[in-house]
Amino acid sequence: MTTTSRMDHILLAHLRFSEAQIWPGGDGLTIDVVLASYPQVAAAGQVPDKEELLRLHPDLTVELEAFFSESQFSRSMPPRDSSPYDLATAIRAD
């Protein structure tokens, strides 16, 4: 398993057990859309944030830093006060 796919697996596992109402396959959502919601769900305190993930998975530092970089999400992220479901709707509408 590559480090990126391992990171995706870890992030998806956290999202799966959160209160976020977003999951791949539901309403045509893709894994990429669901993963794009992770920073917002983390900001809401529903899943481990970047710092906690870095502490738990130091071997994924490069991948996690890239994942959480502002440039990766700047085009698709709605305002911070949107819910994870709103995020999926906003991204799907693009």
PDB file of N, CA and C in Angstrom:
ATOM      1  N   MET A   1       0.847  -1.164   0.000  1.00  0.00           N
ATOM      2  CA  MET A   1       0.000   0.000   0.000  1.00  0.00           C
ATOM      3  C   MET A   1       0.901   1.238   0.000  1.00  0.00           C
ATOM      4  N   THR A   2       0.640   2.164  -0.918  1.00  0.00           N
ATOM      5  CA  THR A   2       1.439   3.385  -0.970  1.00  0.00           C
ATOM      6  C   THR A   2       1.091   4.279   0.218  1.00  0.00           C
ATOM      7  N   THR A   3       1.977   5.231   0.519  1.00  0.00           N
ATOM      8  CA  THR A   3       1.711   6.111   1.650  1.00  0.00           C
ATOM      9  C   THR A   3       0.474   6.969   1.418  1.00  0.00           C
ATOM     10  N   THR A   4       0.246   7.390   0.160  1.00  0.00           N
ATOM     11  CA  THR A   4      -0.937   8.192  -0.136  1.00  0.00           C
ATOM     12  C   THR A   4      -2.207   7.380   0.063  1.00  0.00           C
ATOM     13  N   SER A   5      -2.238   6.130  -0.419  1.00  0.00           N
ATOM     14  CA  SER A   5      -3.438   5.322  -0.230  1.00  0.00           C
ATOM     15  C   SER A   5      -3.618   4.975   1.247  1.00  0.00           C
ATOM     16  N   ARG A   6      -2.518   4.822   1.979  1.00  0.00           N
ATOM     17  CA  ARG A   6      -2.612   4.570   3.421  1.00  0.00           C
ATOM     18  C   ARG A   6      -3.192   5.797   4.122  1.00  0.00           C
ATOM     19  N   MET A   7      -2.739   6.974   3.726  1.00  0.00           N
ATOM     20  CA  MET A   7      -3.269   8.206   4.297  1.00  0.00           C
ATOM     21  C   MET A   7      -4.762   8.334   3.993  1.00  0.00           C
ATOM     22  N   ASP A   8      -5.158   8.090   2.747  1.00  0.00           N
ATOM     23  CA  ASP A   8      -6.570   8.144   2.369  1.00  0.00           C
ATOM     24  C   ASP A   8      -7.389   7.184   3.227  1.00  0.00           C
ATOM     25  N   HIS A   9      -6.879   5.984   3.422  1.00  0.00           N
ATOM     26  CA  HIS A   9      -7.568   4.979   4.227  1.00  0.00           C
ATOM     27  C   HIS A   9      -7.752   5.471   5.670  1.00  0.00           C
ATOM     28  N   ILE A  10      -6.726   6.076   6.238  1.00  0.00           N
ATOM     29  CA  ILE A  10      -6.796   6.586   7.604  1.00  0.00           C
ATOM     30  C   ILE A  10      -7.819   7.720   7.706  1.00  0.00           C
ATOM     31  N   LEU A  11      -7.767   8.664   6.772  1.00  0.00           N
ATOM     32  CA  LEU A  11      -8.701   9.792   6.802  1.00  0.00           C
ATOM     33  C   LEU A  11     -10.135   9.330   6.611  1.00  0.00           C
ATOM     34  N   LEU A  12     -10.351   8.415   5.679  1.00  0.00           N
ATOM     35  CA  LEU A  12     -11.705   7.889   5.452  1.00  0.00           C
ATOM     36  C   LEU A  12     -12.234   7.154   6.679  1.00  0.00           C
ATOM     37  N   ALA A  13     -11.370   6.430   7.364  1.00  0.00           N
ATOM     38  CA  ALA A  13     -11.792   5.717   8.573  1.00  0.00           C
ATOM     39  C   ALA A  13     -12.248   6.707   9.640  1.00  0.00           C
ATOM     40  N   HIS A  14     -11.528   7.810   9.798  1.00  0.00           N
ATOM     41  CA  HIS A  14     -11.951   8.823  10.767  1.00  0.00           C
ATOM     42  C   HIS A  14     -13.285   9.443  10.361  1.00  0.00           C
ATOM     43  N   LEU A  15     -13.453   9.744   9.079  1.00  0.00           N
ATOM     44  CA  LEU A  15     -14.711  10.326   8.609  1.00  0.00           C
ATOM     45  C   LEU A  15     -15.875   9.356   8.789  1.00  0.00           C
ATOM     46  N   ARG A  16     -15.621   8.093   8.560  1.00  0.00           N
ATOM     47  CA  ARG A  16     -16.681   7.092   8.661  1.00  0.00           C
ATOM     48  C   ARG A  16     -17.304   7.063  10.053  1.00  0.00           C
ATOM     49  N   PHE A  17     -16.481   7.251  11.069  1.00  0.00           N
ATOM     50  CA  PHE A  17     -16.972   7.171  12.437  1.00  0.00           C
ATOM     51  C   PHE A  17     -17.275   8.540  13.045  1.00  0.00           C
ATOM     52  N   SER A  18     -17.288   9.573  12.216  1.00  0.00           N
ATOM     53  CA  SER A  18     -17.635  10.910  12.689  1.00  0.00           C
ATOM     54  C   SER A  18     -19.125  11.142  12.489  1.00  0.00           C
ATOM     55  N   GLU A  19     -19.566  12.312  12.881  1.00  0.00           N
ATOM     56  CA  GLU A  19     -20.964  12.682  12.685  1.00  0.00           C
ATOM     57  C   GLU A  19     -21.203  13.286  11.309  1.00  0.00           C
ATOM     58  N   ALA A  20     -20.170  13.379  10.500  1.00  0.00           N
ATOM     59  CA  ALA A  20     -20.301  13.957   9.162  1.00  0.00           C
ATOM     60  C   ALA A  20     -21.267  13.121   8.329  1.00  0.00           C
ATOM     61  N   GLN A  21     -22.127  13.792   7.626  1.00  0.00           N
ATOM     62  CA  GLN A  21     -23.121  13.119   6.793  1.00  0.00           C
ATOM     63  C   GLN A  21     -22.657  13.052   5.340  1.00  0.00           C
ATOM     64  N   ILE A  22     -21.445  12.574   5.159  1.00  0.00           N
ATOM     65  CA  ILE A  22     -20.858  12.531   3.823  1.00  0.00           C
ATOM     66  C   ILE A  22     -20.076  11.229   3.694  1.00  0.00           C
ATOM     67  N   TRP A  23     -20.327  10.499   2.621  1.00  0.00           N
ATOM     68  CA  TRP A  23     -19.641   9.222   2.420  1.00  0.00           C
ATOM     69  C   TRP A  23     -19.615   8.878   0.935  1.00  0.00           C
ATOM     70  N   PRO A  24     -18.511   8.289   0.444  1.00  0.00           N
ATOM     71  CA  PRO A  24     -18.437   7.947  -0.981  1.00  0.00           C
ATOM     72  C   PRO A  24     -19.584   7.034  -1.390  1.00  0.00           C
ATOM     73  N   GLY A  25     -20.116   7.311  -2.565  1.00  0.00           N
ATOM     74  CA  GLY A  25     -21.208   6.498  -3.096  1.00  0.00           C
ATOM     75  C   GLY A  25     -22.566   7.052  -2.731  1.00  0.00           C
ATOM     76  N   GLY A  26     -22.668   7.761  -1.619  1.00  0.00           N
ATOM     77  CA  GLY A  26     -23.928   8.380  -1.225  1.00  0.00           C
ATOM     78  C   GLY A  26     -24.170   9.614  -2.072  1.00  0.00           C
ATOM     79  N   ASP A  27     -25.286   9.651  -2.743  1.00  0.00           N
ATOM     80  CA  ASP A  27     -25.634  10.791  -3.596  1.00  0.00           C
ATOM     81  C   ASP A  27     -24.580  11.062  -4.671  1.00  0.00           C
ATOM     82  N   GLY A  28     -23.876  10.029  -5.104  1.00  0.00           N
ATOM     83  CA  GLY A  28     -22.892  10.171  -6.164  1.00  0.00           C
ATOM     84  C   GLY A  28     -21.584  10.806  -5.736  1.00  0.00           C
ATOM     85  N   LEU A  29     -21.319  10.866  -4.433  1.00  0.00           N
ATOM     86  CA  LEU A  29     -20.084  11.476  -3.954  1.00  0.00           C
ATOM     87  C   LEU A  29     -18.895  10.573  -4.249  1.00  0.00           C
ATOM     88  N   THR A  30     -17.783  11.184  -4.614  1.00  0.00           N
ATOM     89  CA  THR A  30     -16.558  10.433  -4.870  1.00  0.00           C
ATOM     90  C   THR A  30     -15.668  10.467  -3.625  1.00  0.00           C
ATOM     91  N   ILE A  31     -14.706   9.600  -3.596  1.00  0.00           N
ATOM     92  CA  ILE A  31     -13.755   9.587  -2.478  1.00  0.00           C
ATOM     93  C   ILE A  31     -13.044  10.935  -2.403  1.00  0.00           C
ATOM     94  N   ASP A  32     -12.695  11.513  -3.541  1.00  0.00           N
ATOM     95  CA  ASP A  32     -12.002  12.808  -3.543  1.00  0.00           C
ATOM     96  C   ASP A  32     -12.849  13.900  -2.894  1.00  0.00           C
ATOM     97  N   VAL A  33     -14.149  13.913  -3.160  1.00  0.00           N
ATOM     98  CA  VAL A  33     -15.044  14.904  -2.561  1.00  0.00           C
ATOM     99  C   VAL A  33     -15.114  14.695  -1.052  1.00  0.00           C
ATOM    100  N   VAL A  34     -15.233  13.444  -0.630  1.00  0.00           N
ATOM    101  CA  VAL A  34     -15.311  13.145   0.793  1.00  0.00           C
ATOM    102  C   VAL A  34     -14.004  13.531   1.487  1.00  0.00           C
ATOM    103  N   LEU A  35     -12.881  13.183   0.893  1.00  0.00           N
ATOM    104  CA  LEU A  35     -11.594  13.550   1.489  1.00  0.00           C
ATOM    105  C   LEU A  35     -11.414  15.064   1.543  1.00  0.00           C
ATOM    106  N   ALA A  36     -11.923  15.774   0.550  1.00  0.00           N
ATOM    107  CA  ALA A  36     -11.820  17.238   0.542  1.00  0.00           C
ATOM    108  C   ALA A  36     -12.568  17.852   1.715  1.00  0.00           C
ATOM    109  N   SER A  37     -13.529  17.133   2.282  1.00  0.00           N
ATOM    110  CA  SER A  37     -14.278  17.653   3.427  1.00  0.00           C
ATOM    111  C   SER A  37     -13.522  17.472   4.733  1.00  0.00           C
ATOM    112  N   TYR A  38     -12.460  16.667   4.740  1.00  0.00           N
ATOM    113  CA  TYR A  38     -11.784  16.328   5.988  1.00  0.00           C
ATOM    114  C   TYR A  38     -11.326  17.554   6.788  1.00  0.00           C
ATOM    115  N   PRO A  39     -10.635  18.543   6.182  1.00  0.00           N
ATOM    116  CA  PRO A  39     -10.201  19.694   6.983  1.00  0.00           C
ATOM    117  C   PRO A  39     -11.363  20.423   7.660  1.00  0.00           C
ATOM    118  N   GLN A  40     -12.473  20.520   6.982  1.00  0.00           N
ATOM    119  CA  GLN A  40     -13.634  21.205   7.545  1.00  0.00           C
ATOM    120  C   GLN A  40     -14.246  20.389   8.687  1.00  0.00           C
ATOM    121  N   VAL A  41     -14.325  19.088   8.529  1.00  0.00           N
ATOM    122  CA  VAL A  41     -14.855  18.221   9.584  1.00  0.00           C
ATOM    123  C   VAL A  41     -13.896  18.239  10.784  1.00  0.00           C
ATOM    124  N   ALA A  42     -12.599  18.292  10.520  1.00  0.00           N
ATOM    125  CA  ALA A  42     -11.606  18.392  11.599  1.00  0.00           C
ATOM    126  C   ALA A  42     -11.760  19.712  12.340  1.00  0.00           C
ATOM    127  N   ALA A  43     -11.998  20.796  11.611  1.00  0.00           N
ATOM    128  CA  ALA A  43     -12.185  22.106  12.237  1.00  0.00           C
ATOM    129  C   ALA A  43     -13.399  22.107  13.160  1.00  0.00           C
ATOM    130  N   ALA A  44     -14.375  21.276  12.842  1.00  0.00           N
ATOM    131  CA  ALA A  44     -15.571  21.150  13.685  1.00  0.00           C
ATOM    132  C   ALA A  44     -15.327  20.227  14.877  1.00  0.00           C
ATOM    133  N   GLY A  45     -14.134  19.638  14.953  1.00  0.00           N
ATOM    134  CA  GLY A  45     -13.785  18.776  16.075  1.00  0.00           C
ATOM    135  C   GLY A  45     -14.358  17.377  16.008  1.00  0.00           C
ATOM    136  N   GLN A  46     -14.786  16.950  14.822  1.00  0.00           N
ATOM    137  CA  GLN A  46     -15.407  15.634  14.669  1.00  0.00           C
ATOM    138  C   GLN A  46     -14.415  14.529  14.322  1.00  0.00           C
ATOM    139  N   VAL A  47     -13.231  14.915  13.872  1.00  0.00           N
ATOM    140  CA  VAL A  47     -12.166  13.961  13.521  1.00  0.00           C
ATOM    141  C   VAL A  47     -10.841  14.578  13.962  1.00  0.00           C
ATOM    142  N   PRO A  48      -9.782  13.778  14.069  1.00  0.00           N
ATOM    143  CA  PRO A  48      -8.475  14.341  14.456  1.00  0.00           C
ATOM    144  C   PRO A  48      -8.031  15.433  13.476  1.00  0.00           C
ATOM    145  N   ASP A  49      -7.467  16.503  14.014  1.00  0.00           N
ATOM    146  CA  ASP A  49      -6.988  17.580  13.159  1.00  0.00           C
ATOM    147  C   ASP A  49      -5.592  17.253  12.632  1.00  0.00           C
ATOM    148  N   LYS A  50      -5.041  18.175  11.863  1.00  0.00           N
ATOM    149  CA  LYS A  50      -3.735  17.969  11.235  1.00  0.00           C
ATOM    150  C   LYS A  50      -2.656  17.640  12.263  1.00  0.00           C
ATOM    151  N   GLU A  51      -2.605  18.405  13.332  1.00  0.00           N
ATOM    152  CA  GLU A  51      -1.560  18.191  14.334  1.00  0.00           C
ATOM    153  C   GLU A  51      -1.665  16.804  14.969  1.00  0.00           C
ATOM    154  N   GLU A  52      -2.869  16.385  15.278  1.00  0.00           N
ATOM    155  CA  GLU A  52      -3.068  15.056  15.867  1.00  0.00           C
ATOM    156  C   GLU A  52      -2.693  13.958  14.881  1.00  0.00           C
ATOM    157  N   LEU A  53      -3.074  14.127  13.619  1.00  0.00           N
ATOM    158  CA  LEU A  53      -2.710  13.134  12.597  1.00  0.00           C
ATOM    159  C   LEU A  53      -1.194  13.050  12.441  1.00  0.00           C
ATOM    160  N   LEU A  54      -0.525  14.202  12.461  1.00  0.00           N
ATOM    161  CA  LEU A  54       0.940  14.202  12.349  1.00  0.00           C
ATOM    162  C   LEU A  54       1.580  13.499  13.543  1.00  0.00           C
ATOM    163  N   ARG A  55       1.003  13.688  14.721  1.00  0.00           N
ATOM    164  CA  ARG A  55       1.522  13.020  15.917  1.00  0.00           C
ATOM    165  C   ARG A  55       1.301  11.509  15.835  1.00  0.00           C
ATOM    166  N   LEU A  56       0.126  11.103  15.365  1.00  0.00           N
ATOM    167  CA  LEU A  56      -0.207   9.678  15.286  1.00  0.00           C
ATOM    168  C   LEU A  56       0.504   8.959  14.143  1.00  0.00           C
ATOM    169  N   HIS A  57       0.787   9.686  13.068  1.00  0.00           N
ATOM    170  CA  HIS A  57       1.345   9.071  11.852  1.00  0.00           C
ATOM    171  C   HIS A  57       2.540   9.882  11.337  1.00  0.00           C
ATOM    172  N   PRO A  58       3.635   9.931  12.096  1.00  0.00           N
ATOM    173  CA  PRO A  58       4.792  10.723  11.664  1.00  0.00           C
ATOM    174  C   PRO A  58       5.378  10.249  10.327  1.00  0.00           C
ATOM    175  N   ASP A  59       5.140   9.010   9.980  1.00  0.00           N
ATOM    176  CA  ASP A  59       5.632   8.489   8.708  1.00  0.00           C
ATOM    177  C   ASP A  59       4.888   9.075   7.512  1.00  0.00           C
ATOM    178  N   LEU A  60       3.767   9.736   7.757  1.00  0.00           N
ATOM    179  CA  LEU A  60       2.973  10.330   6.680  1.00  0.00           C
ATOM    180  C   LEU A  60       3.063  11.858   6.678  1.00  0.00           C
ATOM    181  N   THR A  61       4.098  12.402   7.299  1.00  0.00           N
ATOM    182  CA  THR A  61       4.221  13.852   7.426  1.00  0.00           C
ATOM    183  C   THR A  61       4.160  14.565   6.078  1.00  0.00           C
ATOM    184  N   VAL A  62       4.907  14.114   5.108  1.00  0.00           N
ATOM    185  CA  VAL A  62       4.940  14.773   3.794  1.00  0.00           C
ATOM    186  C   VAL A  62       3.555  14.750   3.154  1.00  0.00           C
ATOM    187  N   GLU A  63       2.903  13.591   3.176  1.00  0.00           N
ATOM    188  CA  GLU A  63       1.594  13.451   2.555  1.00  0.00           C
ATOM    189  C   GLU A  63       0.538  14.277   3.282  1.00  0.00           C
ATOM    190  N   LEU A  64       0.572  14.256   4.615  1.00  0.00           N
ATOM    191  CA  LEU A  64      -0.410  15.023   5.380  1.00  0.00           C
ATOM    192  C   LEU A  64      -0.209  16.523   5.202  1.00  0.00           C
ATOM    193  N   GLU A  65       1.047  16.967   5.187  1.00  0.00           N
ATOM    194  CA  GLU A  65       1.317  18.392   4.950  1.00  0.00           C
ATOM    195  C   GLU A  65       0.779  18.816   3.578  1.00  0.00           C
ATOM    196  N   ALA A  66       0.993  17.987   2.573  1.00  0.00           N
ATOM    197  CA  ALA A  66       0.491  18.303   1.236  1.00  0.00           C
ATOM    198  C   ALA A  66      -1.041  18.306   1.219  1.00  0.00           C
ATOM    199  N   PHE A  67      -1.631  17.327   1.888  1.00  0.00           N
ATOM    200  CA  PHE A  67      -3.094  17.220   1.929  1.00  0.00           C
ATOM    201  C   PHE A  67      -3.720  18.457   2.552  1.00  0.00           C
ATOM    202  N   PHE A  68      -3.137  18.940   3.634  1.00  0.00           N
ATOM    203  CA  PHE A  68      -3.705  20.075   4.346  1.00  0.00           C
ATOM    204  C   PHE A  68      -3.238  21.428   3.810  1.00  0.00           C
ATOM    205  N   SER A  69      -2.422  21.416   2.780  1.00  0.00           N
ATOM    206  CA  SER A  69      -1.924  22.691   2.244  1.00  0.00           C
ATOM    207  C   SER A  69      -3.074  23.532   1.701  1.00  0.00           C
ATOM    208  N   GLU A  70      -2.957  24.790   1.887  1.00  0.00           N
ATOM    209  CA  GLU A  70      -4.000  25.721   1.446  1.00  0.00           C
ATOM    210  C   GLU A  70      -4.229  25.635  -0.055  1.00  0.00           C
ATOM    211  N   SER A  71      -3.179  25.446  -0.823  1.00  0.00           N
ATOM    212  CA  SER A  71      -3.321  25.443  -2.283  1.00  0.00           C
ATOM    213  C   SER A  71      -4.176  24.289  -2.779  1.00  0.00           C
ATOM    214  N   GLN A  72      -4.162  23.150  -2.075  1.00  0.00           N
ATOM    215  CA  GLN A  72      -4.934  21.991  -2.530  1.00  0.00           C
ATOM    216  C   GLN A  72      -6.429  22.235  -2.406  1.00  0.00           C
ATOM    217  N   PHE A  73      -6.865  23.018  -1.412  1.00  0.00           N
ATOM    218  CA  PHE A  73      -8.286  23.182  -1.164  1.00  0.00           C
ATOM    219  C   PHE A  73      -8.826  24.556  -1.527  1.00  0.00           C
ATOM    220  N   SER A  74      -7.991  25.478  -1.931  1.00  0.00           N
ATOM    221  CA  SER A  74      -8.422  26.857  -2.115  1.00  0.00           C
ATOM    222  C   SER A  74      -9.515  27.004  -3.168  1.00  0.00           C
ATOM    223  N   ARG A  75      -9.529  26.175  -4.191  1.00  0.00           N
ATOM    224  CA  ARG A  75     -10.523  26.317  -5.249  1.00  0.00           C
ATOM    225  C   ARG A  75     -11.850  25.668  -4.906  1.00  0.00           C
ATOM    226  N   SER A  76     -11.868  24.633  -4.055  1.00  0.00           N
ATOM    227  CA  SER A  76     -13.097  23.884  -3.840  1.00  0.00           C
ATOM    228  C   SER A  76     -13.740  24.077  -2.477  1.00  0.00           C
ATOM    229  N   MET A  77     -13.067  24.779  -1.565  1.00  0.00           N
ATOM    230  CA  MET A  77     -13.607  24.904  -0.216  1.00  0.00           C
ATOM    231  C   MET A  77     -14.622  26.037  -0.133  1.00  0.00           C
ATOM    232  N   PRO A  78     -15.814  25.761   0.390  1.00  0.00           N
ATOM    233  CA  PRO A  78     -16.802  26.807   0.627  1.00  0.00           C
ATOM    234  C   PRO A  78     -16.437  27.569   1.901  1.00  0.00           C
ATOM    235  N   PRO A  79     -17.205  28.581   2.268  1.00  0.00           N
ATOM    236  CA  PRO A  79     -16.913  29.291   3.513  1.00  0.00           C
ATOM    237  C   PRO A  79     -16.862  28.344   4.702  1.00  0.00           C
ATOM    238  N   ARG A  80     -16.046  28.667   5.717  1.00  0.00           N
ATOM    239  CA  ARG A  80     -15.824  27.802   6.868  1.00  0.00           C
ATOM    240  C   ARG A  80     -17.091  27.465   7.641  1.00  0.00           C
ATOM    241  N   ASP A  81     -18.129  28.280   7.573  1.00  0.00           N
ATOM    242  CA  ASP A  81     -19.321  28.006   8.361  1.00  0.00           C
ATOM    243  C   ASP A  81     -20.269  27.016   7.687  1.00  0.00           C
ATOM    244  N   SER A  82     -19.917  26.467   6.532  1.00  0.00           N
ATOM    245  CA  SER A  82     -20.744  25.469   5.858  1.00  0.00           C
ATOM    246  C   SER A  82     -20.577  24.117   6.527  1.00  0.00           C
ATOM    247  N   SER A  83     -21.623  23.307   6.485  1.00  0.00           N
ATOM    248  CA  SER A  83     -21.536  21.957   7.044  1.00  0.00           C
ATOM    249  C   SER A  83     -20.855  21.044   6.040  1.00  0.00           C
ATOM    250  N   PRO A  84     -20.388  19.854   6.468  1.00  0.00           N
ATOM    251  CA  PRO A  84     -19.783  18.917   5.513  1.00  0.00           C
ATOM    252  C   PRO A  84     -20.724  18.568   4.370  1.00  0.00           C
ATOM    253  N   TYR A  85     -22.019  18.457   4.636  1.00  0.00           N
ATOM    254  CA  TYR A  85     -22.968  18.143   3.570  1.00  0.00           C
ATOM    255  C   TYR A  85     -23.016  19.287   2.575  1.00  0.00           C
ATOM    256  N   ASP A  86     -23.011  20.534   3.071  1.00  0.00           N
ATOM    257  CA  ASP A  86     -22.984  21.682   2.184  1.00  0.00           C
ATOM    258  C   ASP A  86     -21.732  21.669   1.322  1.00  0.00           C
ATOM    259  N   LEU A  87     -20.618  21.235   1.888  1.00  0.00           N
ATOM    260  CA  LEU A  87     -19.379  21.129   1.135  1.00  0.00           C
ATOM    261  C   LEU A  87     -19.568  20.200  -0.052  1.00  0.00           C
ATOM    262  N   ALA A  88     -20.152  19.029   0.187  1.00  0.00           N
ATOM    263  CA  ALA A  88     -20.363  18.077  -0.896  1.00  0.00           C
ATOM    264  C   ALA A  88     -21.268  18.673  -1.965  1.00  0.00           C
ATOM    265  N   THR A  89     -22.301  19.364  -1.556  1.00  0.00           N
ATOM    266  CA  THR A  89     -23.208  19.989  -2.505  1.00  0.00           C
ATOM    267  C   THR A  89     -22.486  21.055  -3.302  1.00  0.00           C
ATOM    268  N   ALA A  90     -21.677  21.859  -2.637  1.00  0.00           N
ATOM    269  CA  ALA A  90     -20.939  22.927  -3.323  1.00  0.00           C
ATOM    270  C   ALA A  90     -19.950  22.363  -4.324  1.00  0.00           C
ATOM    271  N   ILE A  91     -19.245  21.315  -3.960  1.00  0.00           N
ATOM    272  CA  ILE A  91     -18.253  20.723  -4.864  1.00  0.00           C
ATOM    273  C   ILE A  91     -18.932  20.044  -6.036  1.00  0.00           C
ATOM    274  N   ARG A  92     -20.037  19.349  -5.773  1.00  0.00           N
ATOM    275  CA  ARG A  92     -20.763  18.651  -6.841  1.00  0.00           C
ATOM    276  C   ARG A  92     -21.327  19.629  -7.837  1.00  0.00           C
ATOM    277  N   ALA A  93     -21.694  20.835  -7.387  1.00  0.00           N
ATOM    278  CA  ALA A  93     -22.290  21.835  -8.268  1.00  0.00           C
ATOM    279  C   ALA A  93     -21.280  22.430  -9.228  1.00  0.00           C
ATOM    280  N   ASP A  94     -19.991  22.314  -8.931  1.00  0.00           N
ATOM    281  CA  ASP A  94     -18.950  22.877  -9.803  1.00  0.00           C
ATOM    282  C   ASP A  94     -18.847  22.146 -11.112  1.00  0.00           C
TER     283      ASP A  94
END
